[in-house]
Structures are given as structure tokens and as C-alpha cells.
Amino acid sequence: MTIEKKTVKGDVRVSTDVIAQYAGLEAMGCFGIVGMGAMSAKDGIVKLLRNDKLSRGVSVNVRDSHVTIDFHVIVAYGVSIQAVAENLINNVVYQVESFTGMTVDKINVLVEGVRVID
């Protein structure tokens, strides 16, 4: 899906995949996030995604310049999931709103797994 904004000097088109990748990169910078998770429909196993596949663990919906983002994350063992989720939400809302100029209405954090960090 592509979001289009008309300006005086021309049109701007941004793919929701770009927003998903940007949001995924910002989420990876948050304390306690080990990675993005993707559920395999075939076998029901959550897989840890590499940095080049971060947008697969992020879903972006845009309606009338309002953004909703779903994150499927894997968190570090021993951290407060609530604190990690609040940190992710605050950071991503600020960064995505600055990046796109759109309003982030809602962020859903779905914890798909826990992983021990070496």
C-alpha cells in the first residue's frame, strides 16, 4: 500500500513497507527488544528475524494520515515486559511521527517469545 500526500510543489508517495521498516529499526534500538518475530503459518513456530527482514515482524495500517502499528517482538529474558513495551511505544510514536508527519494513533506490542541474551 502507498500513502500519497499532495503538496504545492508536487506529490509524495510513501510505501507502508518503508514505514514498517523504519518502525522496526527504531524498535530494535529499544532496551529489552532482542528482535522481531514472525509466526510461521505452516508450523506455528516463531522465528527470530534478522535485521534485513524487520518489516516482516511489523504491520502498518494507515487511514486518513493516522497510523496503527503492530509489532511482533521477542524480548530479553529477565526484563519487565511492561517497561519494554512502554519504552518501545513512546520511542516509535515520536520517531514515526517525526519521520512521516502523520499521527500514530495506536501501537500494539505482541510478545511472541522470550530469549536469553548471552
Protein backbone atom coordinates (compact mmCIF):
# COMPACT_ATOMS: atom_id res chain seq x y z
CA MET A 1 0.00 0.00 0.00
CA THR A 2 1.19 3.50 -0.76
CA ILE A 3 0.32 6.70 1.09
CA GLU A 4 0.08 9.78 -1.08
CA LYS A 5 0.34 13.40 0.04
CA LYS A 6 -0.20 16.29 -2.32
CA THR A 7 1.84 19.44 -1.75
CA VAL A 8 2.13 22.72 -3.58
CA LYS A 9 5.42 21.62 -5.17
CA GLY A 10 4.41 18.04 -6.04
CA ASP A 11 3.22 14.70 -4.79
CA VAL A 12 4.88 12.50 -2.17
CA ARG A 13 4.28 8.75 -2.12
CA VAL A 14 5.45 6.59 0.77
CA SER A 15 5.01 2.83 0.92
CA THR A 16 3.72 1.36 4.18
CA ASP A 17 6.64 -1.10 3.87
CA VAL A 18 9.02 1.86 4.30
CA ILE A 19 7.19 2.93 7.45
CA ALA A 20 7.25 -0.68 8.73
CA GLN A 21 10.98 -0.99 8.12
CA TYR A 22 11.69 2.36 9.80
CA ALA A 23 9.50 1.48 12.79
CA GLY A 24 11.22 -1.92 13.05
CA LEU A 25 14.65 -0.32 13.11
CA GLU A 26 13.54 2.13 15.80
CA ALA A 27 12.05 -0.71 17.85
CA MET A 28 15.30 -2.67 17.66
CA GLY A 29 17.05 0.27 19.33
CA CYS A 30 14.83 -0.06 22.40
CA PHE A 31 16.20 -1.69 25.54
CA GLY A 32 14.94 -5.24 26.05
CA ILE A 33 13.99 -5.95 22.44
CA VAL A 34 16.01 -8.90 21.13
CA GLY A 35 14.39 -8.95 17.70
CA MET A 36 11.25 -9.13 15.65
CA GLY A 37 9.34 -12.36 15.48
CA ALA A 38 7.43 -13.84 12.59
CA MET A 39 4.96 -16.65 13.09
CA SER A 40 5.29 -19.43 10.57
CA ALA A 41 1.78 -20.28 9.42
CA LYS A 42 2.95 -23.70 8.31
CA ASP A 43 4.27 -24.99 11.63
CA GLY A 44 3.25 -22.36 14.21
CA ILE A 45 6.85 -21.64 15.25
CA VAL A 46 8.02 -18.10 15.97
CA LYS A 47 11.24 -17.25 14.15
CA LEU A 48 13.69 -14.53 15.13
CA LEU A 49 14.14 -12.27 12.11
CA ARG A 50 17.44 -10.79 11.01
CA ASN A 51 17.81 -7.01 10.64
CA ASP A 52 17.15 -7.13 6.88
CA LYS A 53 13.73 -8.75 7.48
CA LEU A 54 12.45 -6.49 10.27
CA SER A 55 9.41 -5.30 8.35
CA ARG A 56 8.01 -8.86 8.41
CA GLY A 57 7.55 -8.53 12.17
CA VAL A 58 5.81 -5.16 11.81
CA SER A 59 2.36 -4.43 10.37
CA VAL A 60 1.38 -0.88 9.41
CA ASN A 61 -2.13 0.35 8.63
CA VAL A 62 -2.80 3.92 7.52
CA ARG A 63 -6.19 5.60 7.29
CA ASP A 64 -6.55 9.34 6.66
CA SER A 65 -2.98 10.14 7.81
CA HIS A 66 -3.47 8.16 11.02
CA VAL A 67 -1.14 5.22 11.59
CA THR A 68 -1.65 1.98 13.52
CA ILE A 69 1.38 -0.28 14.00
CA ASP A 70 1.53 -3.88 15.25
CA PHE A 71 4.88 -5.21 16.49
CA HIS A 72 5.62 -8.91 16.92
CA VAL A 73 8.64 -8.83 19.21
CA ILE A 74 10.94 -11.13 21.11
CA VAL A 75 12.06 -9.69 24.44
CA ALA A 76 15.10 -10.36 26.57
CA TYR A 77 14.70 -12.75 29.48
CA GLY A 78 14.52 -11.07 32.88
CA VAL A 79 13.29 -7.63 31.80
CA SER A 80 9.91 -6.10 32.58
CA ILE A 81 7.71 -6.67 29.54
CA GLN A 82 5.55 -3.70 30.51
CA ALA A 83 8.57 -1.36 30.75
CA VAL A 84 9.94 -2.61 27.43
CA ALA A 85 6.56 -2.18 25.71
CA GLU A 86 6.07 1.35 27.10
CA ASN A 87 9.58 2.33 26.01
CA LEU A 88 9.00 0.90 22.52
CA ILE A 89 5.67 2.69 22.17
CA ASN A 90 6.99 6.09 23.30
CA ASN A 91 10.09 5.88 21.12
CA VAL A 92 8.34 4.64 17.99
CA VAL A 93 5.46 7.14 18.24
CA TYR A 94 7.90 10.05 18.42
CA GLN A 95 10.18 8.77 15.66
CA VAL A 96 7.46 7.71 13.19
CA GLU A 97 5.51 10.94 13.66
CA SER A 98 8.70 12.94 13.05
CA PHE A 99 9.61 10.80 10.02
CA THR A 100 6.21 10.74 8.29
CA GLY A 101 4.37 13.83 9.55
CA MET A 102 1.39 11.56 10.29
CA THR A 103 -0.27 10.85 13.63
CA VAL A 104 0.34 7.48 15.26
CA ASP A 105 -2.98 6.54 16.85
CA LYS A 106 -2.17 3.11 18.18
CA ILE A 107 0.73 0.72 18.67
CA ASN A 108 0.09 -2.90 19.58
CA VAL A 109 3.02 -4.85 21.04
CA LEU A 110 2.60 -8.61 20.70
CA VAL A 111 5.29 -10.51 22.58
CA GLU A 112 5.96 -13.67 20.58
CA GLY A 113 8.79 -15.01 22.71
CA VAL A 114 11.48 -14.54 25.31
CA ARG A 115 15.17 -15.13 24.68
CA VAL A 116 18.20 -15.31 26.94
CA ILE A 117 20.92 -12.88 25.86
CA ASP A 118 24.45 -14.25 26.04
